[in-house]
């Protein structure tokens, strides 16, 4: 599975999570926003950023990269670090566990990666 496919899967699973939990989901028309979609429930609107991972940080945690790395048409590499002011919720989809974990964006201080405890088998 490519990085793009993992990202698309993560967004779809996060949207499904919110719909199953009674939220309305709104998708942007453009793709240059600092968040992936908006959710609405109980008269509260929240901007959601989504990250996906299948990277095992170690035996007990998953590693989630928080930076976006992209290439421009002219070959330049662009690295964008996570900014906790640009979204209200970070939804992380852990592919091997088929699990969505939510974080309040303001609670995230690290801009490059975070670790999420693995489920016990």
C-alpha atoms as a PDB file:
ATOM      1  CA  UNK A   1       0.000   0.000   0.000  1.00  0.00           C
ATOM      2  CA  UNK A   2       1.417   3.418  -0.960  1.00  0.00           C
ATOM      3  CA  UNK A   3       1.633   6.377   1.432  1.00  0.00           C
ATOM      4  CA  UNK A   4      -1.208   8.046  -0.480  1.00  0.00           C
ATOM      5  CA  UNK A   5      -3.400   4.943  -0.161  1.00  0.00           C
ATOM      6  CA  UNK A   6      -2.636   4.710   3.581  1.00  0.00           C
ATOM      7  CA  UNK A   7      -3.585   8.369   3.962  1.00  0.00           C
ATOM      8  CA  UNK A   8      -6.821   7.927   2.016  1.00  0.00           C
ATOM      9  CA  UNK A   9      -7.691   4.849   4.098  1.00  0.00           C
ATOM     10  CA  UNK A  10      -6.998   6.769   7.312  1.00  0.00           C
ATOM     11  CA  UNK A  11      -9.260   9.637   6.272  1.00  0.00           C
ATOM     12  CA  UNK A  12     -12.065   7.236   5.310  1.00  0.00           C
ATOM     13  CA  UNK A  13     -11.779   5.303   8.605  1.00  0.00           C
ATOM     14  CA  UNK A  14     -11.716   8.535  10.626  1.00  0.00           C
ATOM     15  CA  UNK A  15     -14.819   9.842   8.819  1.00  0.00           C
ATOM     16  CA  UNK A  16     -16.567   6.509   9.454  1.00  0.00           C
ATOM     17  CA  UNK A  17     -15.636   6.744  13.152  1.00  0.00           C
ATOM     18  CA  UNK A  18     -17.207  10.196  13.427  1.00  0.00           C
ATOM     19  CA  UNK A  19     -20.364   9.223  11.496  1.00  0.00           C
ATOM     20  CA  UNK A  20     -20.805   6.119  13.681  1.00  0.00           C
ATOM     21  CA  UNK A  21     -20.563   8.373  16.738  1.00  0.00           C
ATOM     22  CA  UNK A  22     -23.304  10.756  15.623  1.00  0.00           C
ATOM     23  CA  UNK A  23     -21.300  13.513  13.930  1.00  0.00           C
ATOM     24  CA  UNK A  24     -22.027  15.165  10.600  1.00  0.00           C
ATOM     25  CA  UNK A  25     -18.907  15.244   8.404  1.00  0.00           C
ATOM     26  CA  UNK A  26     -18.129  18.067   5.965  1.00  0.00           C
ATOM     27  CA  UNK A  27     -15.483  17.712   3.269  1.00  0.00           C
ATOM     28  CA  UNK A  28     -13.567  20.657   1.823  1.00  0.00           C
ATOM     29  CA  UNK A  29     -13.699  21.434  -1.879  1.00  0.00           C
ATOM     30  CA  UNK A  30     -10.032  22.461  -2.012  1.00  0.00           C
ATOM     31  CA  UNK A  31      -6.993  20.520  -0.801  1.00  0.00           C
ATOM     32  CA  UNK A  32      -4.792  23.306   0.505  1.00  0.00           C
ATOM     33  CA  UNK A  33      -6.367  23.627   3.954  1.00  0.00           C
ATOM     34  CA  UNK A  34      -4.381  22.800   7.100  1.00  0.00           C
ATOM     35  CA  UNK A  35      -6.985  20.173   8.108  1.00  0.00           C
ATOM     36  CA  UNK A  36      -8.711  17.261   6.347  1.00  0.00           C
ATOM     37  CA  UNK A  37     -12.401  17.749   7.160  1.00  0.00           C
ATOM     38  CA  UNK A  38     -14.869  19.301   9.614  1.00  0.00           C
ATOM     39  CA  UNK A  39     -17.175  17.491  12.025  1.00  0.00           C
ATOM     40  CA  UNK A  40     -20.295  18.865  13.675  1.00  0.00           C
ATOM     41  CA  UNK A  41     -22.231  17.588  16.692  1.00  0.00           C
ATOM     42  CA  UNK A  42     -24.208  19.228  19.513  1.00  0.00           C
ATOM     43  CA  UNK A  43     -23.815  22.660  17.898  1.00  0.00           C
ATOM     44  CA  UNK A  44     -20.028  22.363  18.002  1.00  0.00           C
ATOM     45  CA  UNK A  45     -17.875  22.409  14.867  1.00  0.00           C
ATOM     46  CA  UNK A  46     -14.321  21.010  14.889  1.00  0.00           C
ATOM     47  CA  UNK A  47     -11.518  20.888  12.319  1.00  0.00           C
ATOM     48  CA  UNK A  48     -10.003  17.400  12.030  1.00  0.00           C
ATOM     49  CA  UNK A  49      -6.524  16.437  10.837  1.00  0.00           C
ATOM     50  CA  UNK A  50      -5.904  12.764  10.108  1.00  0.00           C
ATOM     51  CA  UNK A  51      -2.702  10.722  10.245  1.00  0.00           C
ATOM     52  CA  UNK A  52      -2.296   7.003   9.546  1.00  0.00           C
ATOM     53  CA  UNK A  53       0.362   4.605  10.758  1.00  0.00           C
ATOM     54  CA  UNK A  54       1.455   1.031  10.502  1.00  0.00           C
ATOM     55  CA  UNK A  55       4.934   1.773  11.904  1.00  0.00           C
ATOM     56  CA  UNK A  56       5.771  -0.025  15.088  1.00  0.00           C
ATOM     57  CA  UNK A  57       7.753   2.352  17.290  1.00  0.00           C
ATOM     58  CA  UNK A  58       8.755  -0.528  19.548  1.00  0.00           C
ATOM     59  CA  UNK A  59       7.119  -3.545  21.201  1.00  0.00           C
ATOM     60  CA  UNK A  60       4.545  -1.435  23.055  1.00  0.00           C
ATOM     61  CA  UNK A  61       3.785   1.553  20.828  1.00  0.00           C
ATOM     62  CA  UNK A  62       2.970   2.753  17.314  1.00  0.00           C
ATOM     63  CA  UNK A  63       4.953   5.669  15.870  1.00  0.00           C
ATOM     64  CA  UNK A  64       2.910   8.366  14.140  1.00  0.00           C
ATOM     65  CA  UNK A  65       4.745  10.863  11.960  1.00  0.00           C
ATOM     66  CA  UNK A  66       3.261  14.330  12.303  1.00  0.00           C
ATOM     67  CA  UNK A  67       5.096  16.119   9.517  1.00  0.00           C
ATOM     68  CA  UNK A  68       4.101  16.218   5.859  1.00  0.00           C
ATOM     69  CA  UNK A  69       6.834  15.803   3.264  1.00  0.00           C
ATOM     70  CA  UNK A  70       5.995  16.601  -0.349  1.00  0.00           C
ATOM     71  CA  UNK A  71       7.794  17.349  -3.577  1.00  0.00           C
ATOM     72  CA  UNK A  72       7.044  20.307  -5.771  1.00  0.00           C
ATOM     73  CA  UNK A  73       6.881  20.007  -9.570  1.00  0.00           C
ATOM     74  CA  UNK A  74      10.342  21.541  -9.855  1.00  0.00           C
ATOM     75  CA  UNK A  75      11.861  18.953  -7.477  1.00  0.00           C
ATOM     76  CA  UNK A  76      12.036  20.964  -4.255  1.00  0.00           C
ATOM     77  CA  UNK A  77      11.159  19.101  -1.067  1.00  0.00           C
ATOM     78  CA  UNK A  78       8.667  20.791   1.251  1.00  0.00           C
ATOM     79  CA  UNK A  79       8.444  19.744   4.911  1.00  0.00           C
ATOM     80  CA  UNK A  80       5.492  20.997   6.961  1.00  0.00           C
ATOM     81  CA  UNK A  81       5.546  20.329  10.701  1.00  0.00           C
ATOM     82  CA  UNK A  82       2.373  19.708  12.683  1.00  0.00           C
ATOM     83  CA  UNK A  83       0.855  22.946  13.988  1.00  0.00           C
ATOM     84  CA  UNK A  84      -1.570  22.352  16.871  1.00  0.00           C
ATOM     85  CA  UNK A  85      -3.316  25.660  16.121  1.00  0.00           C
ATOM     86  CA  UNK A  86      -4.497  24.592  12.648  1.00  0.00           C
ATOM     87  CA  UNK A  87      -6.928  21.873  13.742  1.00  0.00           C
ATOM     88  CA  UNK A  88      -9.019  21.073  16.783  1.00  0.00           C
ATOM     89  CA  UNK A  89      -8.732  17.274  16.683  1.00  0.00           C
ATOM     90  CA  UNK A  90      -6.009  14.917  15.486  1.00  0.00           C
ATOM     91  CA  UNK A  91      -7.452  11.557  14.457  1.00  0.00           C
ATOM     92  CA  UNK A  92      -4.866   8.792  14.117  1.00  0.00           C
ATOM     93  CA  UNK A  93      -5.784   5.615  12.252  1.00  0.00           C
ATOM     94  CA  UNK A  94      -3.662   2.638  13.328  1.00  0.00           C
ATOM     95  CA  UNK A  95      -3.856   0.330  10.332  1.00  0.00           C
ATOM     96  CA  UNK A  96      -2.826  -3.029  11.890  1.00  0.00           C
ATOM     97  CA  UNK A  97      -5.333  -2.562  14.740  1.00  0.00           C
ATOM     98  CA  UNK A  98      -8.082  -1.001  12.586  1.00  0.00           C
ATOM     99  CA  UNK A  99      -8.413   1.625  15.326  1.00  0.00           C
ATOM    100  CA  UNK A 100      -8.968   5.394  15.383  1.00  0.00           C
ATOM    101  CA  UNK A 101      -7.467   7.333  18.308  1.00  0.00           C
ATOM    102  CA  UNK A 102      -8.419  10.977  18.916  1.00  0.00           C
ATOM    103  CA  UNK A 103      -6.307  13.734  20.450  1.00  0.00           C
ATOM    104  CA  UNK A 104      -7.107  17.367  21.153  1.00  0.00           C
ATOM    105  CA  UNK A 105      -4.675  19.171  18.869  1.00  0.00           C
ATOM    106  CA  UNK A 106      -3.698  21.686  21.541  1.00  0.00           C
ATOM    107  CA  UNK A 107      -2.504  18.831  23.782  1.00  0.00           C
ATOM    108  CA  UNK A 108       0.151  17.850  21.219  1.00  0.00           C
ATOM    109  CA  UNK A 109       3.433  19.654  21.830  1.00  0.00           C
ATOM    110  CA  UNK A 110       5.734  17.583  19.596  1.00  0.00           C
ATOM    111  CA  UNK A 111       5.629  18.623  15.943  1.00  0.00           C
ATOM    112  CA  UNK A 112       7.354  15.625  14.323  1.00  0.00           C
ATOM    113  CA  UNK A 113       6.023  12.372  15.865  1.00  0.00           C
ATOM    114  CA  UNK A 114       4.083  10.821  18.702  1.00  0.00           C
ATOM    115  CA  UNK A 115       3.748   7.326  20.110  1.00  0.00           C
ATOM    116  CA  UNK A 116       0.473   5.525  20.835  1.00  0.00           C
ATOM    117  CA  UNK A 117       0.333   2.495  23.094  1.00  0.00           C
ATOM    118  CA  UNK A 118      -0.474  -0.763  21.304  1.00  0.00           C
ATOM    119  CA  UNK A 119      -3.579  -2.719  22.280  1.00  0.00           C
ATOM    120  CA  UNK A 120      -2.846  -5.740  24.418  1.00  0.00           C
ATOM    121  CA  UNK A 121      -3.363  -9.028  22.638  1.00  0.00           C
END
